[in-house]
Structures are given as C-alpha cells and as structure tokens.
Amino acid sequence: NNTHYDYDVVAKIGDTQLTVTDNGDGSYTISKEQINGNITVTATKTAKQYDVTVTGNGAADVTAAAKATYGTDYTYTLTQDSNYAYTVKITAGGTEITSELQEGTANQYKIAGDKITGPVEINVTKEQTAGTITFEGEGAGDVVGGTSQNAPLHKDFTFTITKAADFVYAVTAVKGENTVNVKDNGDGTFTISNVTGNLNIKAATKTPKTYTVTVE
C-alpha cells in the first residue's frame, strides 16, 4: 500500500459480498468458510487529505483551504503589506517543503501535490519595514505627496507643506496615544526623527494670520 492513500477492498462470489480482513501489512484475508466459488476482488484507492494550519504573526494575510490532498497541487494566497517583509516556512508531516508563486499572479502560491505527505503548516512571519504616515486636519490638503505616505523605519522622515499665504500652520504628530516630536525647519519642511511605526500627523490646523491695524 502507498501510505498516502486509503484503500477499499471488496470481494464477492457472484452477488454475495464476503468479509475481507485487512492484515495491516498490505495483505488481506478471506476466511476459508466463505469460499465456495470464484472470487472477484475489487480494490479502489483514494488519496488522503491532510489538515492545513496557518501560523505566525502574518497568518491574517493568508487565505488557505483547510484541507490539502496528496497528489493534487494546493494553492494558497498571501496578500503582502508593502510596509512589511515576509518570511514563509512550510512543512508537511514535519518535513520542510517549498511553494512557488503561480505564473501570472501576484499573490497566489502553489505547493506541488507530491509534497503533501502529511499535515501541512504554513508559518508566515512579517516584520515591519516602513510606517504609514497619515495626514489629517485643515492643512492636510497642502501636504506635498498626498495624505498617506510611507516612511522607512529607523530613519528620519521629512515632509513638505505648501503653505497658503496669510495662514498659520500648527503641526502635531502622534503614534498611538503618544505625541511625537515634529521639527519645523522653517522653510515649509518638517522632520520627524527615527520613525518607529505608523504615525498620524495633524497637518494641520491652519488659521488666518492676525494683523495689527494702527489708525493715525
């Protein structure tokens, strides 16, 4: 027997089905008491299905069927966030195997059917490599590059506001609930040192300048 198949063995004399004992070593026995004519033995085999589990901190980015069948190519989808670097490790029955990107697709991967020799684990880990910078507030529309930008982690991020005449801009930034320092470079550019994650920038409330009128 191929261990990756389930076998069904049926023996008959005419229309009478006989009891067949599976000896567990690939051999089968029909007791002598049943034998009173010509015997027809029919054997069918069905490829085994194995459970598929997806693990790791990138598991939510994977779409995968719960079962994989030996001998049939298995496909899963990994939708990658451009702000992260991904590592994929796959095992079948405890043995490490590989998958390959399907031609003509951007995120569908195939495991060859002959590699599916046991329960499959798809372990996906991801590490953030860039932060998403979002801009809000009345002055957000004046930010060069749009209101959503990416910034490499652990580097300084500089953005530019094309300031409208006669308006004052106030710029603040937060990461989660914590305030992040924003340096006004005085030339319409602003710098955040050492970006460590996603940021939300209130860029900004812009208010009309106030002028003093002197009557003489």
N, C-alpha and C. Protein backbone atom coordinates (compact mmCIF):
# COMPACT_ATOMS: atom_id res chain seq x y z
N ASN A 1 0.83 -1.20 0.00
CA ASN A 1 0.00 0.00 0.00
C ASN A 1 0.86 1.25 0.00
N ASN A 2 0.43 2.25 -0.77
CA ASN A 2 1.02 3.58 -0.67
C ASN A 2 0.39 4.24 0.55
N THR A 3 1.23 4.66 1.48
CA THR A 3 0.71 5.16 2.76
C THR A 3 -0.09 6.44 2.62
N HIS A 4 -0.03 7.10 1.46
CA HIS A 4 -0.76 8.35 1.27
C HIS A 4 -2.12 8.14 0.61
N TYR A 5 -2.53 6.87 0.54
CA TYR A 5 -3.85 6.53 0.01
C TYR A 5 -4.61 5.69 1.02
N ASP A 6 -5.94 5.83 1.00
CA ASP A 6 -6.83 4.91 1.71
C ASP A 6 -7.34 3.89 0.71
N TYR A 7 -7.27 2.60 1.08
CA TYR A 7 -7.67 1.52 0.18
C TYR A 7 -8.99 0.90 0.64
N ASP A 8 -9.83 0.58 -0.32
CA ASP A 8 -11.08 -0.11 -0.05
C ASP A 8 -11.09 -1.39 -0.89
N VAL A 9 -11.10 -2.54 -0.22
CA VAL A 9 -11.04 -3.84 -0.90
C VAL A 9 -12.36 -4.56 -0.69
N VAL A 10 -12.99 -4.93 -1.79
CA VAL A 10 -14.27 -5.64 -1.76
C VAL A 10 -14.11 -6.97 -2.50
N ALA A 11 -14.57 -8.06 -1.88
CA ALA A 11 -14.53 -9.39 -2.52
C ALA A 11 -15.95 -9.94 -2.60
N LYS A 12 -16.26 -10.53 -3.73
CA LYS A 12 -17.60 -11.11 -3.95
C LYS A 12 -17.50 -12.48 -4.62
N ILE A 13 -18.46 -13.33 -4.27
CA ILE A 13 -18.73 -14.55 -5.03
C ILE A 13 -20.12 -14.36 -5.61
N GLY A 14 -20.17 -14.16 -6.91
CA GLY A 14 -21.43 -13.77 -7.54
C GLY A 14 -21.84 -12.42 -7.01
N ASP A 15 -23.07 -12.35 -6.45
CA ASP A 15 -23.55 -11.09 -5.87
C ASP A 15 -23.36 -11.03 -4.36
N THR A 16 -22.75 -12.05 -3.80
CA THR A 16 -22.58 -12.11 -2.35
C THR A 16 -21.25 -11.49 -1.95
N GLN A 17 -21.35 -10.47 -1.10
CA GLN A 17 -20.12 -9.81 -0.64
C GLN A 17 -19.54 -10.58 0.52
N LEU A 18 -18.25 -10.78 0.48
CA LEU A 18 -17.54 -11.53 1.51
C LEU A 18 -16.91 -10.59 2.53
N THR A 19 -16.60 -11.13 3.68
CA THR A 19 -15.88 -10.37 4.70
C THR A 19 -14.38 -10.47 4.42
N VAL A 20 -13.75 -9.32 4.26
CA VAL A 20 -12.32 -9.26 3.97
C VAL A 20 -11.60 -8.64 5.18
N THR A 21 -10.59 -9.31 5.66
CA THR A 21 -9.82 -8.82 6.81
C THR A 21 -8.53 -8.16 6.33
N ASP A 22 -8.36 -6.92 6.72
CA ASP A 22 -7.12 -6.19 6.41
C ASP A 22 -6.09 -6.55 7.47
N ASN A 23 -5.01 -7.16 7.04
CA ASN A 23 -3.99 -7.61 7.99
C ASN A 23 -3.02 -6.49 8.40
N GLY A 24 -3.17 -5.32 7.77
CA GLY A 24 -2.37 -4.17 8.18
C GLY A 24 -0.99 -4.12 7.58
N ASP A 25 -0.62 -5.08 6.78
CA ASP A 25 0.70 -5.11 6.17
C ASP A 25 0.62 -5.13 4.64
N GLY A 26 -0.55 -4.76 4.12
CA GLY A 26 -0.76 -4.80 2.68
C GLY A 26 -1.41 -6.08 2.21
N SER A 27 -1.56 -7.04 3.11
CA SER A 27 -2.22 -8.30 2.74
C SER A 27 -3.64 -8.34 3.32
N TYR A 28 -4.49 -9.13 2.69
CA TYR A 28 -5.89 -9.25 3.09
C TYR A 28 -6.26 -10.73 3.12
N THR A 29 -7.19 -11.09 4.00
CA THR A 29 -7.56 -12.50 4.15
C THR A 29 -9.08 -12.68 4.01
N ILE A 30 -9.45 -13.70 3.24
CA ILE A 30 -10.84 -14.16 3.18
C ILE A 30 -10.87 -15.54 3.83
N SER A 31 -11.67 -15.70 4.85
CA SER A 31 -11.69 -16.98 5.57
C SER A 31 -12.19 -18.11 4.68
N LYS A 32 -11.65 -19.30 4.90
CA LYS A 32 -11.94 -20.46 4.05
C LYS A 32 -13.42 -20.84 4.08
N GLU A 33 -14.09 -20.49 5.20
CA GLU A 33 -15.50 -20.87 5.30
C GLU A 33 -16.37 -20.15 4.27
N GLN A 34 -15.88 -18.99 3.79
CA GLN A 34 -16.68 -18.21 2.83
C GLN A 34 -16.46 -18.64 1.39
N ILE A 35 -15.44 -19.43 1.16
CA ILE A 35 -15.03 -19.72 -0.22
C ILE A 35 -15.78 -20.93 -0.75
N ASN A 36 -16.72 -20.65 -1.68
CA ASN A 36 -17.48 -21.73 -2.30
C ASN A 36 -17.70 -21.48 -3.79
N GLY A 37 -16.85 -20.64 -4.37
CA GLY A 37 -16.97 -20.34 -5.79
C GLY A 37 -15.88 -19.38 -6.22
N ASN A 38 -15.98 -18.92 -7.47
CA ASN A 38 -15.00 -17.97 -7.99
C ASN A 38 -15.13 -16.62 -7.29
N ILE A 39 -14.01 -16.03 -6.97
CA ILE A 39 -13.99 -14.78 -6.20
C ILE A 39 -13.55 -13.63 -7.10
N THR A 40 -14.30 -12.52 -7.02
CA THR A 40 -13.90 -11.27 -7.69
C THR A 40 -13.49 -10.26 -6.63
N VAL A 41 -12.26 -9.77 -6.75
CA VAL A 41 -11.75 -8.77 -5.79
C VAL A 41 -11.63 -7.43 -6.50
N THR A 42 -12.24 -6.41 -5.91
CA THR A 42 -12.16 -5.04 -6.44
C THR A 42 -11.46 -4.15 -5.41
N ALA A 43 -10.40 -3.49 -5.82
CA ALA A 43 -9.66 -2.60 -4.92
C ALA A 43 -9.68 -1.18 -5.47
N THR A 44 -10.07 -0.23 -4.65
CA THR A 44 -10.03 1.19 -5.03
C THR A 44 -9.17 1.94 -4.01
N LYS A 45 -8.54 3.01 -4.47
CA LYS A 45 -7.73 3.80 -3.56
C LYS A 45 -8.10 5.28 -3.70
N THR A 46 -8.07 5.97 -2.57
CA THR A 46 -8.42 7.39 -2.52
C THR A 46 -7.28 8.14 -1.83
N ALA A 47 -6.83 9.20 -2.48
CA ALA A 47 -5.73 9.99 -1.90
C ALA A 47 -6.15 10.58 -0.57
N LYS A 48 -5.24 10.54 0.39
CA LYS A 48 -5.54 11.07 1.72
C LYS A 48 -5.56 12.60 1.71
N GLN A 49 -6.44 13.13 2.56
CA GLN A 49 -6.47 14.57 2.79
C GLN A 49 -5.82 14.86 4.14
N TYR A 50 -5.08 15.97 4.16
CA TYR A 50 -4.39 16.37 5.38
C TYR A 50 -4.82 17.77 5.79
N ASP A 51 -4.86 18.00 7.11
CA ASP A 51 -5.22 19.32 7.63
C ASP A 51 -4.15 20.34 7.27
N VAL A 52 -4.61 21.58 7.04
CA VAL A 52 -3.71 22.70 6.77
C VAL A 52 -3.92 23.74 7.87
N THR A 53 -2.84 24.13 8.53
CA THR A 53 -2.92 25.19 9.54
C THR A 53 -1.99 26.33 9.12
N VAL A 54 -2.41 27.55 9.41
CA VAL A 54 -1.61 28.74 9.12
C VAL A 54 -1.25 29.39 10.44
N THR A 55 0.03 29.61 10.67
CA THR A 55 0.52 30.15 11.94
C THR A 55 1.41 31.37 11.68
N GLY A 56 1.82 32.00 12.76
CA GLY A 56 2.73 33.15 12.67
C GLY A 56 1.98 34.47 12.73
N ASN A 57 2.72 35.54 12.94
CA ASN A 57 2.08 36.85 13.08
C ASN A 57 1.58 37.41 11.75
N GLY A 58 1.89 36.70 10.64
CA GLY A 58 1.36 37.10 9.34
C GLY A 58 0.21 36.23 8.87
N ALA A 59 -0.32 35.39 9.76
CA ALA A 59 -1.37 34.44 9.37
C ALA A 59 -2.61 35.13 8.82
N ALA A 60 -2.92 36.31 9.34
CA ALA A 60 -4.13 37.01 8.90
C ALA A 60 -4.05 37.45 7.44
N ASP A 61 -2.85 37.47 6.89
CA ASP A 61 -2.67 37.88 5.49
C ASP A 61 -2.74 36.71 4.52
N VAL A 62 -3.05 35.51 5.06
CA VAL A 62 -3.09 34.29 4.24
C VAL A 62 -4.52 33.79 4.12
N THR A 63 -4.90 33.41 2.90
CA THR A 63 -6.16 32.72 2.66
C THR A 63 -5.83 31.32 2.18
N ALA A 64 -6.28 30.30 2.93
CA ALA A 64 -5.89 28.93 2.62
C ALA A 64 -7.03 27.97 2.96
N ALA A 65 -7.25 26.99 2.08
CA ALA A 65 -8.25 25.96 2.35
C ALA A 65 -7.80 25.10 3.52
N ALA A 66 -8.75 24.53 4.25
CA ALA A 66 -8.44 23.79 5.47
C ALA A 66 -7.88 22.40 5.21
N LYS A 67 -8.00 21.89 3.97
CA LYS A 67 -7.52 20.55 3.65
C LYS A 67 -6.66 20.59 2.39
N ALA A 68 -5.65 19.71 2.36
CA ALA A 68 -4.82 19.52 1.17
C ALA A 68 -4.79 18.03 0.86
N THR A 69 -4.82 17.69 -0.43
CA THR A 69 -4.91 16.29 -0.85
C THR A 69 -3.59 15.85 -1.49
N TYR A 70 -3.11 14.69 -1.06
CA TYR A 70 -1.88 14.16 -1.65
C TYR A 70 -2.07 13.96 -3.16
N GLY A 71 -1.08 14.38 -3.92
CA GLY A 71 -1.11 14.21 -5.37
C GLY A 71 -1.81 15.32 -6.12
N THR A 72 -2.46 16.24 -5.40
CA THR A 72 -3.15 17.37 -6.03
C THR A 72 -2.49 18.67 -5.60
N ASP A 73 -2.09 19.50 -6.56
CA ASP A 73 -1.46 20.77 -6.22
C ASP A 73 -2.37 21.60 -5.32
N TYR A 74 -1.77 22.24 -4.34
CA TYR A 74 -2.52 23.03 -3.35
C TYR A 74 -2.11 24.50 -3.51
N THR A 75 -3.11 25.37 -3.52
CA THR A 75 -2.86 26.80 -3.72
C THR A 75 -3.35 27.60 -2.52
N TYR A 76 -2.54 28.55 -2.10
CA TYR A 76 -2.95 29.50 -1.06
C TYR A 76 -2.59 30.91 -1.51
N THR A 77 -3.20 31.90 -0.87
CA THR A 77 -3.00 33.30 -1.23
C THR A 77 -2.33 34.04 -0.08
N LEU A 78 -1.26 34.76 -0.39
CA LEU A 78 -0.59 35.61 0.61
C LEU A 78 -0.64 37.04 0.10
N THR A 79 -1.44 37.88 0.77
CA THR A 79 -1.56 39.29 0.40
C THR A 79 -0.62 40.09 1.28
N GLN A 80 0.47 40.57 0.68
CA GLN A 80 1.52 41.21 1.46
C GLN A 80 1.28 42.71 1.60
N ASP A 81 1.53 43.21 2.79
CA ASP A 81 1.51 44.63 3.08
C ASP A 81 2.88 45.19 2.69
N SER A 82 2.89 46.23 1.88
CA SER A 82 4.16 46.77 1.37
C SER A 82 5.04 47.34 2.48
N ASN A 83 4.48 47.55 3.67
CA ASN A 83 5.27 48.08 4.77
C ASN A 83 5.95 46.99 5.59
N TYR A 84 5.83 45.72 5.14
CA TYR A 84 6.39 44.60 5.90
C TYR A 84 7.23 43.71 4.99
N ALA A 85 8.20 43.03 5.61
CA ALA A 85 8.97 41.98 4.94
C ALA A 85 8.46 40.64 5.46
N TYR A 86 8.21 39.69 4.55
CA TYR A 86 7.58 38.42 4.91
C TYR A 86 8.57 37.26 4.80
N THR A 87 8.42 36.29 5.71
CA THR A 87 9.15 35.04 5.65
C THR A 87 8.14 33.90 5.77
N VAL A 88 8.21 32.96 4.83
CA VAL A 88 7.26 31.84 4.81
C VAL A 88 8.03 30.53 4.96
N LYS A 89 7.59 29.71 5.91
CA LYS A 89 8.18 28.37 6.12
C LYS A 89 7.03 27.37 6.09
N ILE A 90 7.17 26.33 5.28
CA ILE A 90 6.10 25.34 5.12
C ILE A 90 6.63 23.95 5.45
N THR A 91 5.84 23.20 6.21
CA THR A 91 6.18 21.81 6.48
C THR A 91 4.98 20.93 6.15
N ALA A 92 5.28 19.69 5.75
CA ALA A 92 4.25 18.66 5.52
C ALA A 92 4.69 17.41 6.25
N GLY A 93 3.90 17.01 7.23
CA GLY A 93 4.30 15.87 8.05
C GLY A 93 5.60 16.09 8.78
N GLY A 94 5.91 17.34 9.10
CA GLY A 94 7.13 17.68 9.82
C GLY A 94 8.34 17.90 8.93
N THR A 95 8.21 17.64 7.62
CA THR A 95 9.31 17.84 6.68
C THR A 95 9.16 19.18 5.98
N GLU A 96 10.23 19.97 5.94
CA GLU A 96 10.14 21.29 5.31
C GLU A 96 10.03 21.14 3.79
N ILE A 97 9.07 21.86 3.23
CA ILE A 97 8.84 21.86 1.78
C ILE A 97 8.76 23.31 1.32
N THR A 98 8.58 23.50 0.02
CA THR A 98 8.54 24.86 -0.53
C THR A 98 7.27 25.05 -1.36
N SER A 99 6.98 26.30 -1.62
CA SER A 99 5.91 26.67 -2.55
C SER A 99 6.49 27.65 -3.56
N GLU A 100 5.76 27.86 -4.64
CA GLU A 100 6.24 28.79 -5.66
C GLU A 100 5.10 29.68 -6.14
N LEU A 101 5.46 30.90 -6.50
CA LEU A 101 4.46 31.84 -6.99
C LEU A 101 3.92 31.35 -8.33
N GLN A 102 2.60 31.30 -8.43
CA GLN A 102 2.00 30.84 -9.68
C GLN A 102 2.17 31.89 -10.77
N GLU A 103 2.54 31.44 -11.94
CA GLU A 103 2.77 32.34 -13.05
C GLU A 103 1.50 33.12 -13.38
N GLY A 104 1.68 34.41 -13.61
CA GLY A 104 0.55 35.26 -13.96
C GLY A 104 -0.23 35.80 -12.79
N THR A 105 0.22 35.50 -11.55
CA THR A 105 -0.45 36.01 -10.36
C THR A 105 0.52 36.83 -9.53
N ALA A 106 -0.04 37.65 -8.65
CA ALA A 106 0.80 38.49 -7.80
C ALA A 106 0.91 37.94 -6.39
N ASN A 107 -0.03 37.08 -5.98
CA ASN A 107 -0.05 36.66 -4.58
C ASN A 107 -0.53 35.22 -4.36
N GLN A 108 -0.61 34.41 -5.41
CA GLN A 108 -1.06 33.03 -5.25
C GLN A 108 0.14 32.09 -5.37
N TYR A 109 0.24 31.19 -4.39
CA TYR A 109 1.38 30.29 -4.30
C TYR A 109 0.91 28.84 -4.37
N LYS A 110 1.75 27.99 -4.98
CA LYS A 110 1.38 26.59 -5.20
C LYS A 110 2.35 25.65 -4.50
N ILE A 111 1.78 24.64 -3.83
CA ILE A 111 2.56 23.53 -3.28
C ILE A 111 2.29 22.32 -4.17
N ALA A 112 3.35 21.71 -4.69
CA ALA A 112 3.19 20.55 -5.56
C ALA A 112 2.51 19.41 -4.81
N GLY A 113 1.60 18.72 -5.48
CA GLY A 113 0.81 17.68 -4.83
C GLY A 113 1.63 16.55 -4.24
N ASP A 114 2.76 16.21 -4.87
CA ASP A 114 3.55 15.09 -4.36
C ASP A 114 4.33 15.45 -3.09
N LYS A 115 4.30 16.75 -2.71
CA LYS A 115 4.96 17.17 -1.47
C LYS A 115 4.01 17.11 -0.27
N ILE A 116 2.74 16.89 -0.53
CA ILE A 116 1.74 16.92 0.54
C ILE A 116 1.67 15.52 1.14
N THR A 117 2.60 15.22 2.02
CA THR A 117 2.74 13.88 2.57
C THR A 117 2.35 13.79 4.04
N GLY A 118 1.68 14.80 4.54
CA GLY A 118 1.24 14.82 5.93
C GLY A 118 0.59 16.15 6.23
N PRO A 119 0.15 16.36 7.48
CA PRO A 119 -0.46 17.64 7.85
C PRO A 119 0.45 18.80 7.47
N VAL A 120 -0.15 19.83 6.89
CA VAL A 120 0.61 20.96 6.34
C VAL A 120 0.52 22.15 7.30
N GLU A 121 1.66 22.76 7.59
CA GLU A 121 1.70 24.01 8.36
C GLU A 121 2.35 25.08 7.51
N ILE A 122 1.65 26.19 7.35
CA ILE A 122 2.18 27.35 6.65
C ILE A 122 2.46 28.42 7.70
N ASN A 123 3.71 28.63 7.99
CA ASN A 123 4.10 29.61 9.01
C ASN A 123 4.56 30.90 8.31
N VAL A 124 3.86 31.99 8.61
CA VAL A 124 4.15 33.28 7.97
C VAL A 124 4.51 34.29 9.05
N THR A 125 5.71 34.81 8.97
CA THR A 125 6.12 35.88 9.89
C THR A 125 6.38 37.14 9.08
N LYS A 126 6.08 38.26 9.67
CA LYS A 126 6.32 39.52 8.99
C LYS A 126 6.93 40.52 9.95
N GLU A 127 7.80 41.35 9.39
CA GLU A 127 8.49 42.38 10.17
C GLU A 127 8.28 43.71 9.49
N GLN A 128 7.84 44.67 10.27
CA GLN A 128 7.55 45.97 9.69
C GLN A 128 8.84 46.64 9.22
N THR A 129 8.83 47.13 7.99
CA THR A 129 10.00 47.82 7.44
C THR A 129 9.70 49.29 7.15
N ALA A 130 8.44 49.68 7.18
CA ALA A 130 8.06 51.08 6.93
C ALA A 130 6.80 51.40 7.71
N GLY A 131 6.66 52.65 8.06
CA GLY A 131 5.47 53.12 8.74
C GLY A 131 4.55 53.85 7.78
N THR A 132 3.27 53.77 8.05
CA THR A 132 2.29 54.51 7.26
C THR A 132 2.05 55.86 7.94
N ILE A 133 2.27 56.91 7.20
CA ILE A 133 2.11 58.27 7.71
C ILE A 133 0.81 58.83 7.13
N THR A 134 -0.15 59.14 7.98
CA THR A 134 -1.40 59.72 7.51
C THR A 134 -1.51 61.16 8.00
N PHE A 135 -2.04 62.01 7.13
CA PHE A 135 -2.17 63.43 7.44
C PHE A 135 -3.65 63.78 7.54
N GLU A 136 -3.99 64.52 8.57
CA GLU A 136 -5.36 64.99 8.77
C GLU A 136 -5.34 66.47 9.10
N GLY A 137 -6.54 67.03 9.16
CA GLY A 137 -6.66 68.43 9.52
C GLY A 137 -6.88 69.33 8.33
N GLU A 138 -7.16 70.59 8.60
CA GLU A 138 -7.49 71.54 7.54
C GLU A 138 -6.34 71.75 6.56
N GLY A 139 -5.11 71.59 7.04
CA GLY A 139 -3.96 71.82 6.17
C GLY A 139 -3.45 70.57 5.49
N ALA A 140 -4.12 69.42 5.69
CA ALA A 140 -3.63 68.16 5.12
C ALA A 140 -3.56 68.21 3.60
N GLY A 141 -4.49 68.93 3.01
CA GLY A 141 -4.51 69.02 1.55
C GLY A 141 -3.34 69.80 0.99
N ASP A 142 -2.61 70.50 1.85
CA ASP A 142 -1.45 71.28 1.40
C ASP A 142 -0.14 70.51 1.54
N VAL A 143 -0.23 69.24 1.99
CA VAL A 143 0.98 68.41 2.15
C VAL A 143 1.41 67.86 0.79
N VAL A 144 2.67 68.06 0.45
CA VAL A 144 3.21 67.56 -0.80
C VAL A 144 3.31 66.03 -0.73
N GLY A 145 2.79 65.34 -1.73
CA GLY A 145 2.87 63.88 -1.76
C GLY A 145 1.64 63.17 -1.32
N GLY A 146 0.62 63.91 -0.88
CA GLY A 146 -0.65 63.28 -0.52
C GLY A 146 -0.79 63.04 0.97
N THR A 147 -1.98 62.62 1.35
CA THR A 147 -2.31 62.49 2.77
C THR A 147 -1.97 61.11 3.34
N SER A 148 -1.44 60.21 2.53
CA SER A 148 -0.97 58.91 3.03
C SER A 148 0.38 58.62 2.38
N GLN A 149 1.40 58.47 3.21
CA GLN A 149 2.75 58.24 2.70
C GLN A 149 3.43 57.16 3.54
N ASN A 150 4.47 56.54 2.97
CA ASN A 150 5.25 55.54 3.69
C ASN A 150 6.60 56.13 4.10
N ALA A 151 7.07 55.71 5.26
CA ALA A 151 8.37 56.17 5.75
C ALA A 151 9.16 54.97 6.24
N PRO A 152 10.39 54.75 5.73
CA PRO A 152 11.23 53.64 6.21
C PRO A 152 11.45 53.74 7.71
N LEU A 153 11.43 52.61 8.39
CA LEU A 153 11.64 52.61 9.83
C LEU A 153 13.08 52.95 10.19
N HIS A 154 13.21 53.56 11.37
CA HIS A 154 14.51 53.88 11.97
C HIS A 154 15.31 54.89 11.15
N LYS A 155 14.57 55.68 10.38
CA LYS A 155 15.19 56.78 9.64
C LYS A 155 14.35 58.04 9.84
N ASP A 156 14.97 59.20 9.58
CA ASP A 156 14.23 60.46 9.69
C ASP A 156 13.28 60.59 8.50
N PHE A 157 12.13 61.19 8.77
CA PHE A 157 11.12 61.41 7.72
C PHE A 157 10.85 62.90 7.61
N THR A 158 11.03 63.44 6.41
CA THR A 158 10.80 64.87 6.18
C THR A 158 9.66 65.03 5.18
N PHE A 159 8.72 65.89 5.51
CA PHE A 159 7.62 66.18 4.59
C PHE A 159 7.51 67.68 4.40
N THR A 160 6.81 68.07 3.34
CA THR A 160 6.71 69.48 2.97
C THR A 160 5.25 69.91 2.92
N ILE A 161 4.98 71.07 3.45
CA ILE A 161 3.66 71.69 3.34
C ILE A 161 3.80 72.95 2.49
N THR A 162 3.00 73.01 1.44
CA THR A 162 2.97 74.22 0.63
C THR A 162 2.02 75.19 1.32
N LYS A 163 2.59 76.08 2.07
CA LYS A 163 1.78 76.94 2.94
C LYS A 163 1.04 77.99 2.13
N ALA A 164 -0.24 78.12 2.43
CA ALA A 164 -1.04 79.17 1.80
C ALA A 164 -0.67 80.50 2.45
N ALA A 165 -0.68 81.54 1.65
CA ALA A 165 -0.33 82.87 2.17
C ALA A 165 -1.33 83.32 3.21
N ASP A 166 -0.83 84.03 4.19
CA ASP A 166 -1.65 84.64 5.23
C ASP A 166 -2.31 83.62 6.15
N PHE A 167 -1.74 82.41 6.23
CA PHE A 167 -2.26 81.42 7.17
C PHE A 167 -1.13 80.92 8.06
N VAL A 168 -1.50 80.55 9.28
CA VAL A 168 -0.56 79.99 10.24
C VAL A 168 -0.86 78.49 10.39
N TYR A 169 0.18 77.65 10.32
CA TYR A 169 0.02 76.20 10.41
C TYR A 169 0.54 75.68 11.75
N ALA A 170 -0.22 74.81 12.36
CA ALA A 170 0.21 74.14 13.59
C ALA A 170 0.27 72.64 13.30
N VAL A 171 1.44 72.05 13.47
CA VAL A 171 1.64 70.64 13.10
C VAL A 171 1.95 69.82 14.35
N THR A 172 1.19 68.75 14.55
CA THR A 172 1.45 67.81 15.65
C THR A 172 1.40 66.39 15.09
N ALA A 173 2.06 65.46 15.78
CA ALA A 173 2.08 64.07 15.34
C ALA A 173 1.90 63.15 16.53
N VAL A 174 1.21 62.03 16.31
CA VAL A 174 1.01 61.05 17.37
C VAL A 174 1.29 59.65 16.82
N LYS A 175 1.79 58.79 17.72
CA LYS A 175 1.93 57.37 17.44
C LYS A 175 1.11 56.66 18.50
N GLY A 176 -0.04 56.13 18.07
CA GLY A 176 -0.98 55.60 19.05
C GLY A 176 -1.52 56.72 19.90
N GLU A 177 -1.23 56.67 21.19
CA GLU A 177 -1.67 57.73 22.10
C GLU A 177 -0.51 58.64 22.52
N ASN A 178 0.65 58.41 21.94
CA ASN A 178 1.83 59.17 22.35
C ASN A 178 2.16 60.26 21.33
N THR A 179 2.54 61.42 21.84
CA THR A 179 2.92 62.54 20.98
C THR A 179 4.36 62.35 20.50
N VAL A 180 4.56 62.64 19.21
CA VAL A 180 5.89 62.51 18.60
C VAL A 180 6.38 63.90 18.23
N ASN A 181 7.64 64.16 18.49
CA ASN A 181 8.19 65.49 18.21
C ASN A 181 8.31 65.74 16.70
N VAL A 182 7.84 66.92 16.27
CA VAL A 182 7.95 67.34 14.88
C VAL A 182 8.79 68.62 14.85
N LYS A 183 9.86 68.60 14.06
CA LYS A 183 10.73 69.77 13.95
C LYS A 183 10.32 70.60 12.74
N ASP A 184 10.02 71.86 12.99
CA ASP A 184 9.72 72.81 11.91
C ASP A 184 11.04 73.38 11.42
N ASN A 185 11.38 73.07 10.18
CA ASN A 185 12.67 73.52 9.64
C ASN A 185 12.63 74.95 9.14
N GLY A 186 11.45 75.59 9.18
CA GLY A 186 11.34 77.00 8.84
C GLY A 186 11.25 77.31 7.37
N ASP A 187 11.32 76.29 6.51
CA ASP A 187 11.26 76.52 5.06
C ASP A 187 10.08 75.78 4.42
N GLY A 188 9.11 75.43 5.25
CA GLY A 188 7.97 74.67 4.75
C GLY A 188 8.14 73.18 4.91
N THR A 189 9.33 72.75 5.35
CA THR A 189 9.56 71.33 5.58
C THR A 189 9.54 71.04 7.08
N PHE A 190 9.16 69.79 7.40
CA PHE A 190 9.08 69.35 8.79
C PHE A 190 9.74 67.97 8.87
N THR A 191 10.42 67.69 9.99
CA THR A 191 11.15 66.43 10.14
C THR A 191 10.75 65.73 11.43
N ILE A 192 10.52 64.41 11.29
CA ILE A 192 10.31 63.53 12.44
C ILE A 192 11.52 62.60 12.51
N SER A 193 12.20 62.58 13.64
CA SER A 193 13.41 61.77 13.78
C SER A 193 13.06 60.31 14.11
N ASN A 194 13.78 59.37 13.48
CA ASN A 194 13.73 57.95 13.81
C ASN A 194 12.30 57.42 13.87
N VAL A 195 11.68 57.29 12.73
CA VAL A 195 10.32 56.75 12.67
C VAL A 195 10.34 55.29 13.14
N THR A 196 9.46 54.94 14.07
CA THR A 196 9.44 53.58 14.62
C THR A 196 8.11 52.87 14.40
N GLY A 197 7.21 53.47 13.62
CA GLY A 197 5.92 52.83 13.36
C GLY A 197 4.98 53.77 12.66
N ASN A 198 3.70 53.38 12.63
CA ASN A 198 2.69 54.20 11.97
C ASN A 198 2.48 55.51 12.74
N LEU A 199 2.29 56.59 11.99
CA LEU A 199 2.10 57.90 12.61
C LEU A 199 0.87 58.58 12.03
N ASN A 200 0.23 59.37 12.87
CA ASN A 200 -0.86 60.22 12.42
C ASN A 200 -0.45 61.66 12.66
N ILE A 201 -0.45 62.46 11.59
CA ILE A 201 0.01 63.85 11.70
C ILE A 201 -1.16 64.80 11.48
N LYS A 202 -1.39 65.63 12.45
CA LYS A 202 -2.40 66.69 12.31
C LYS A 202 -1.72 67.86 11.62
N ALA A 203 -1.82 67.84 10.28
CA ALA A 203 -1.06 68.82 9.49
C ALA A 203 -1.99 69.62 8.60
N ALA A 204 -2.61 70.48 9.09
CA ALA A 204 -2.57 70.96 10.46
C ALA A 204 -3.82 71.79 10.62
N THR A 205 -3.98 72.39 11.76
CA THR A 205 -4.99 73.43 11.79
C THR A 205 -4.34 74.66 11.20
N LYS A 206 -4.94 75.18 10.18
CA LYS A 206 -4.38 76.41 9.63
C LYS A 206 -5.39 77.53 9.88
N THR A 207 -4.89 78.59 10.44
CA THR A 207 -5.75 79.72 10.80
C THR A 207 -5.25 80.98 10.13
N PRO A 208 -6.14 81.87 9.77
CA PRO A 208 -5.70 83.12 9.15
C PRO A 208 -4.79 83.90 10.08
N LYS A 209 -3.78 84.52 9.52
CA LYS A 209 -2.91 85.36 10.31
C LYS A 209 -3.68 86.56 10.84
N THR A 210 -3.28 87.00 12.03
CA THR A 210 -3.88 88.18 12.62
C THR A 210 -2.92 89.36 12.46
N TYR A 211 -3.43 90.49 11.97
CA TYR A 211 -2.62 91.69 11.75
C TYR A 211 -3.11 92.80 12.67
N THR A 212 -2.17 93.63 13.10
CA THR A 212 -2.48 94.80 13.93
C THR A 212 -2.75 96.00 13.03
N VAL A 213 -3.86 96.64 13.25
CA VAL A 213 -4.22 97.84 12.46
C VAL A 213 -4.01 99.07 13.34
N THR A 214 -3.18 99.97 12.84
CA THR A 214 -2.93 101.22 13.57
C THR A 214 -3.55 102.37 12.78
N VAL A 215 -4.39 103.12 13.45
CA VAL A 215 -5.05 104.28 12.81
C VAL A 215 -4.32 105.56 13.29
N GLU A 216 -3.84 106.38 12.34
CA GLU A 216 -3.13 107.62 12.71
C GLU A 216 -3.84 108.82 12.12
